[in-house]
Amino acid sequence: MDAAPDRLAMLGVWPSMSDQIVHHGPGAETPRRDFLLLMTGALGGIGLISALWPFVDTLEPAADTIAAGAPVDIDLAPVKPGQQIIVKWRGRPIFVVRRTPDQLKMLQDKADTSLLRDANSTEFQQPTYAKNWHRSVNPEFLILVGICTHLGCIPEFKPKGADVAGGNWPGGYFCPCHGSKYDLSGRVFAGVPAPYNLPVPPYHFTAKDKVRIGENPPNDDATYSLSDVDQI
């Protein structure tokens, strides 16, 4: 009889010879043949799982695809008026806000525009299709890159504003790092450290309540990407 199994038994990876004795009748131990069949099946199962794992792993998006900035589709239907959601694209937080009629009215009021550094969005911080007073494709929905143009902090959504910056601020975004303020179109206020409006990423609507972030409209001749914006 080969002594190899006994040596393996000493290591705890194989049953000892006494454990391999075949017994018959009620209460008998598992025969050695049955044990070997069980082990063969188990090893076969492990081999099958190992073979399938690379296939399952390929279902995950490749890191280079994510880094390249693949577009992200967002369903806007669940977003309530006055609510903000944050999604991630190219490693950046993207603010998506469903603005109310009152908020849109404020964006055209002198109480807001007279306090802004770049009210007409003359700086190249948005694509041409978002260069307007509401800085968006659809006035109801605001889409911004949520990174302060001062030193890269993430501004806080403060639609009422007065609780952090005094009564003369109509509200919008407040950067807790150094006090920069933006309105609800991402336009920066004068007299704060941030020098530019919050950037608008490339995007377009694929349906009434669905938007694709990271891709310009199909009929847009001019290309726009965040690499064009030096302040990011």
Protein backbone atom coordinates (compact mmCIF):
# COMPACT_ATOMS: atom_id res chain seq x y z
CA MET A 1 0.00 0.00 0.00
CA ASP A 2 1.34 3.45 -0.91
CA ALA A 3 2.51 5.36 2.15
CA ALA A 4 1.81 8.73 0.56
CA PRO A 5 -1.76 8.99 1.91
CA ASP A 6 -0.49 8.36 5.48
CA ARG A 7 2.06 11.14 5.11
CA LEU A 8 -0.69 13.43 3.88
CA ALA A 9 -2.86 12.36 6.79
CA MET A 10 -0.20 13.63 9.18
CA LEU A 11 -0.59 17.03 7.52
CA GLY A 12 -4.37 16.92 7.92
CA VAL A 13 -5.17 16.91 4.18
CA TRP A 14 -5.98 13.20 3.72
CA PRO A 15 -7.83 10.63 5.85
CA SER A 16 -5.62 8.19 7.72
CA MET A 17 -5.54 4.49 6.80
CA SER A 18 -7.78 3.66 9.72
CA ASP A 19 -10.31 6.17 8.43
CA GLN A 20 -10.22 4.45 5.02
CA ILE A 21 -11.27 0.99 6.31
CA VAL A 22 -14.45 -0.10 4.63
CA HIS A 23 -17.26 -0.99 7.03
CA HIS A 24 -20.63 -2.32 6.06
CA GLY A 25 -23.90 -2.37 7.92
CA PRO A 26 -25.77 0.18 10.01
CA GLY A 27 -23.63 3.07 11.27
CA ALA A 28 -20.77 2.29 8.89
CA GLU A 29 -18.30 5.03 7.93
CA THR A 30 -18.16 6.41 4.39
CA PRO A 31 -16.22 3.94 2.17
CA ARG A 32 -12.95 5.13 0.71
CA ARG A 33 -14.36 4.86 -2.80
CA ASP A 34 -17.23 7.17 -1.94
CA PHE A 35 -14.82 9.58 -0.32
CA LEU A 36 -12.65 9.71 -3.45
CA LEU A 37 -15.71 10.30 -5.62
CA LEU A 38 -16.74 13.14 -3.33
CA MET A 39 -13.27 14.69 -3.51
CA THR A 40 -13.19 14.35 -7.29
CA GLY A 41 -16.53 16.13 -7.59
CA ALA A 42 -15.45 18.91 -5.24
CA LEU A 43 -12.20 19.51 -7.12
CA GLY A 44 -14.12 19.52 -10.39
CA GLY A 45 -16.48 22.17 -9.01
CA ILE A 46 -13.54 24.34 -7.95
CA GLY A 47 -12.07 23.99 -11.42
CA LEU A 48 -15.35 25.05 -13.00
CA ILE A 49 -15.60 28.14 -10.79
CA SER A 50 -12.00 29.05 -11.64
CA ALA A 51 -12.75 28.73 -15.34
CA LEU A 52 -15.88 30.90 -15.08
CA TRP A 53 -14.32 33.68 -12.97
CA PRO A 54 -12.43 35.41 -15.83
CA PHE A 55 -15.68 35.42 -17.84
CA VAL A 56 -17.66 36.98 -14.96
CA ASP A 57 -14.91 39.54 -14.44
CA THR A 58 -15.19 40.68 -18.04
CA LEU A 59 -18.76 41.81 -17.36
CA GLU A 60 -17.39 44.72 -15.29
CA PRO A 61 -16.52 47.92 -17.23
CA ALA A 62 -12.82 48.17 -17.97
CA ALA A 63 -10.85 50.75 -15.99
CA ASP A 64 -9.68 52.46 -19.18
CA THR A 65 -13.29 52.79 -20.33
CA ILE A 66 -14.26 54.51 -17.08
CA ALA A 67 -11.18 56.75 -17.23
CA ALA A 68 -12.01 57.72 -20.81
CA GLY A 69 -15.23 59.30 -19.56
CA ALA A 70 -17.99 57.07 -20.89
CA PRO A 71 -21.34 58.91 -20.88
CA VAL A 72 -23.75 58.42 -17.97
CA ASP A 73 -27.52 58.22 -18.49
CA ILE A 74 -29.72 59.74 -15.78
CA ASP A 75 -33.47 59.39 -15.25
CA LEU A 76 -34.77 62.79 -14.18
CA ALA A 77 -38.38 61.75 -13.56
CA PRO A 78 -37.88 61.02 -9.81
CA VAL A 79 -36.22 64.41 -9.16
CA LYS A 80 -38.69 66.73 -7.45
CA PRO A 81 -38.86 70.53 -8.01
CA GLY A 82 -36.24 72.23 -5.87
CA GLN A 83 -34.34 68.97 -5.32
CA GLN A 84 -30.73 68.22 -6.19
CA ILE A 85 -29.15 64.85 -6.93
CA ILE A 86 -25.45 64.14 -7.36
CA VAL A 87 -24.06 61.63 -9.85
CA LYS A 88 -20.48 60.73 -10.72
CA TRP A 89 -18.88 61.15 -14.12
CA ARG A 90 -15.15 60.93 -14.91
CA GLY A 91 -14.49 60.90 -11.16
CA ARG A 92 -16.22 64.24 -10.70
CA PRO A 93 -19.43 65.05 -8.79
CA ILE A 94 -22.14 66.28 -11.14
CA PHE A 95 -24.91 68.41 -9.64
CA VAL A 96 -28.36 67.96 -11.18
CA VAL A 97 -31.08 70.34 -9.94
CA ARG A 98 -34.72 70.61 -10.90
CA ARG A 99 -35.32 74.33 -10.50
CA THR A 100 -38.67 75.78 -9.50
CA PRO A 101 -40.37 78.67 -11.37
CA ASP A 102 -39.48 81.02 -8.48
CA GLN A 103 -35.83 80.01 -8.66
CA LEU A 104 -35.75 80.62 -12.40
CA LYS A 105 -37.33 84.03 -11.91
CA MET A 106 -34.64 84.96 -9.39
CA LEU A 107 -31.90 84.17 -11.91
CA GLN A 108 -33.15 87.06 -14.06
CA ASP A 109 -33.68 89.48 -11.18
CA LYS A 110 -31.21 92.34 -10.65
CA ALA A 111 -31.03 91.29 -7.01
CA ASP A 112 -29.08 88.32 -8.34
CA THR A 113 -27.42 89.46 -11.56
CA SER A 114 -26.05 92.73 -10.13
CA LEU A 115 -23.99 90.74 -7.63
CA LEU A 116 -22.40 88.36 -10.14
CA ARG A 117 -18.88 88.44 -11.52
CA ASP A 118 -19.77 86.91 -14.90
CA ALA A 119 -23.53 87.18 -15.28
CA ASN A 120 -23.45 86.64 -19.06
CA SER A 121 -21.13 83.63 -18.96
CA THR A 122 -18.46 85.27 -21.10
CA GLU A 123 -15.76 82.96 -19.71
CA PHE A 124 -15.49 79.59 -21.43
CA GLN A 125 -17.03 77.49 -18.66
CA GLN A 126 -19.91 75.98 -20.64
CA PRO A 127 -20.71 74.71 -24.14
CA THR A 128 -22.36 77.11 -26.57
CA TYR A 129 -25.74 75.40 -26.12
CA ALA A 130 -25.65 76.33 -22.42
CA LYS A 131 -24.41 79.90 -22.80
CA ASN A 132 -27.58 81.64 -21.66
CA TRP A 133 -29.02 83.16 -18.51
CA HIS A 134 -30.00 79.75 -17.09
CA ARG A 135 -26.78 78.02 -18.33
CA SER A 136 -28.59 74.89 -19.43
CA VAL A 137 -30.34 73.19 -22.34
CA ASN A 138 -33.68 73.04 -20.52
CA PRO A 139 -34.21 75.91 -18.02
CA GLU A 140 -35.88 73.55 -15.57
CA PHE A 141 -32.80 71.35 -15.17
CA LEU A 142 -29.40 72.62 -14.09
CA ILE A 143 -26.38 70.35 -14.66
CA LEU A 144 -22.99 71.41 -13.29
CA VAL A 145 -19.61 70.03 -12.37
CA GLY A 146 -19.66 70.29 -8.57
CA ILE A 147 -16.09 71.51 -8.05
CA CYS A 148 -15.32 75.03 -6.84
CA THR A 149 -13.20 76.97 -9.33
CA HIS A 150 -11.05 78.34 -6.53
CA LEU A 151 -9.18 75.35 -5.08
CA GLY A 152 -11.36 72.38 -5.97
CA CYS A 153 -13.61 71.95 -2.93
CA ILE A 154 -17.18 70.68 -3.34
CA PRO A 155 -19.76 73.47 -2.88
CA GLU A 156 -22.85 72.87 -0.76
CA PHE A 157 -26.37 73.18 -2.13
CA LYS A 158 -27.91 76.16 -0.29
CA PRO A 159 -30.97 77.30 -2.30
CA LYS A 160 -32.08 79.75 0.43
CA GLY A 161 -28.63 81.11 1.11
CA ALA A 162 -29.20 83.55 3.97
CA ASP A 163 -28.20 81.02 6.66
CA VAL A 164 -24.55 80.99 5.54
CA ALA A 165 -23.87 84.19 3.68
CA GLY A 166 -26.14 86.92 4.90
CA GLY A 167 -29.44 88.29 3.65
CA ASN A 168 -27.99 89.86 0.48
CA TRP A 169 -27.23 86.44 -1.04
CA PRO A 170 -30.21 84.98 -2.96
CA GLY A 171 -28.88 81.45 -2.55
CA GLY A 172 -27.39 78.74 -4.70
CA TYR A 173 -24.07 77.10 -3.88
CA PHE A 174 -21.73 77.90 -1.01
CA CYS A 175 -18.17 76.61 -0.80
CA PRO A 176 -17.38 75.82 2.85
CA CYS A 177 -13.61 75.93 2.30
CA HIS A 178 -13.15 79.64 1.55
CA GLY A 179 -16.64 81.11 1.26
CA SER A 180 -17.14 81.30 -2.50
CA LYS A 181 -20.76 81.65 -3.60
CA TYR A 182 -22.63 80.78 -6.79
CA ASP A 183 -26.25 81.25 -7.82
CA LEU A 184 -28.60 78.50 -9.00
CA SER A 185 -27.14 78.63 -12.49
CA GLY A 186 -23.61 78.16 -11.16
CA ARG A 187 -22.60 81.80 -11.77
CA VAL A 188 -20.03 83.05 -9.28
CA PHE A 189 -20.66 86.10 -7.13
CA ALA A 190 -18.24 89.02 -7.08
CA GLY A 191 -15.93 89.51 -4.13
CA VAL A 192 -15.28 85.81 -3.41
CA PRO A 193 -12.11 83.76 -3.98
CA ALA A 194 -13.52 81.68 -6.86
CA PRO A 195 -12.66 83.38 -10.18
CA TYR A 196 -15.00 81.53 -12.55
CA ASN A 197 -18.52 80.15 -12.86
CA LEU A 198 -19.01 76.45 -12.16
CA PRO A 199 -18.41 74.45 -15.37
CA VAL A 200 -21.24 72.87 -17.32
CA PRO A 201 -20.33 69.40 -18.61
CA PRO A 202 -21.24 68.25 -22.12
CA TYR A 203 -24.72 66.68 -22.14
CA HIS A 204 -27.94 66.32 -24.05
CA PHE A 205 -31.45 64.99 -23.52
CA THR A 206 -32.20 61.58 -25.00
CA ALA A 207 -35.87 61.81 -23.97
CA LYS A 208 -38.11 64.21 -22.07
CA ASP A 209 -36.89 63.10 -18.63
CA LYS A 210 -33.62 61.39 -19.57
CA VAL A 211 -30.26 63.06 -19.94
CA ARG A 212 -26.90 61.73 -21.08
CA ILE A 213 -23.97 63.39 -19.31
CA GLY A 214 -20.62 63.35 -21.08
CA GLU A 215 -21.85 63.59 -24.66
CA ASN A 216 -22.66 66.64 -26.76
CA PRO A 217 -25.94 66.79 -28.71
CA PRO A 218 -25.80 64.78 -31.96
CA ASN A 219 -26.58 67.86 -34.07
CA ASP A 220 -24.01 70.09 -32.35
CA ASP A 221 -21.22 71.00 -34.74
CA ALA A 222 -18.83 72.33 -32.12
CA THR A 223 -17.26 69.84 -29.73
CA TYR A 224 -16.91 70.60 -26.03
CA SER A 225 -15.25 68.69 -23.22
CA LEU A 226 -13.96 69.51 -19.76
CA SER A 227 -10.41 69.31 -21.08
CA ASP A 228 -11.21 72.60 -22.84
CA VAL A 229 -11.81 74.29 -19.50
CA ASP A 230 -8.47 75.20 -17.95
CA GLN A 231 -9.94 75.86 -14.52
CA ILE A 232 -10.81 72.16 -13.89
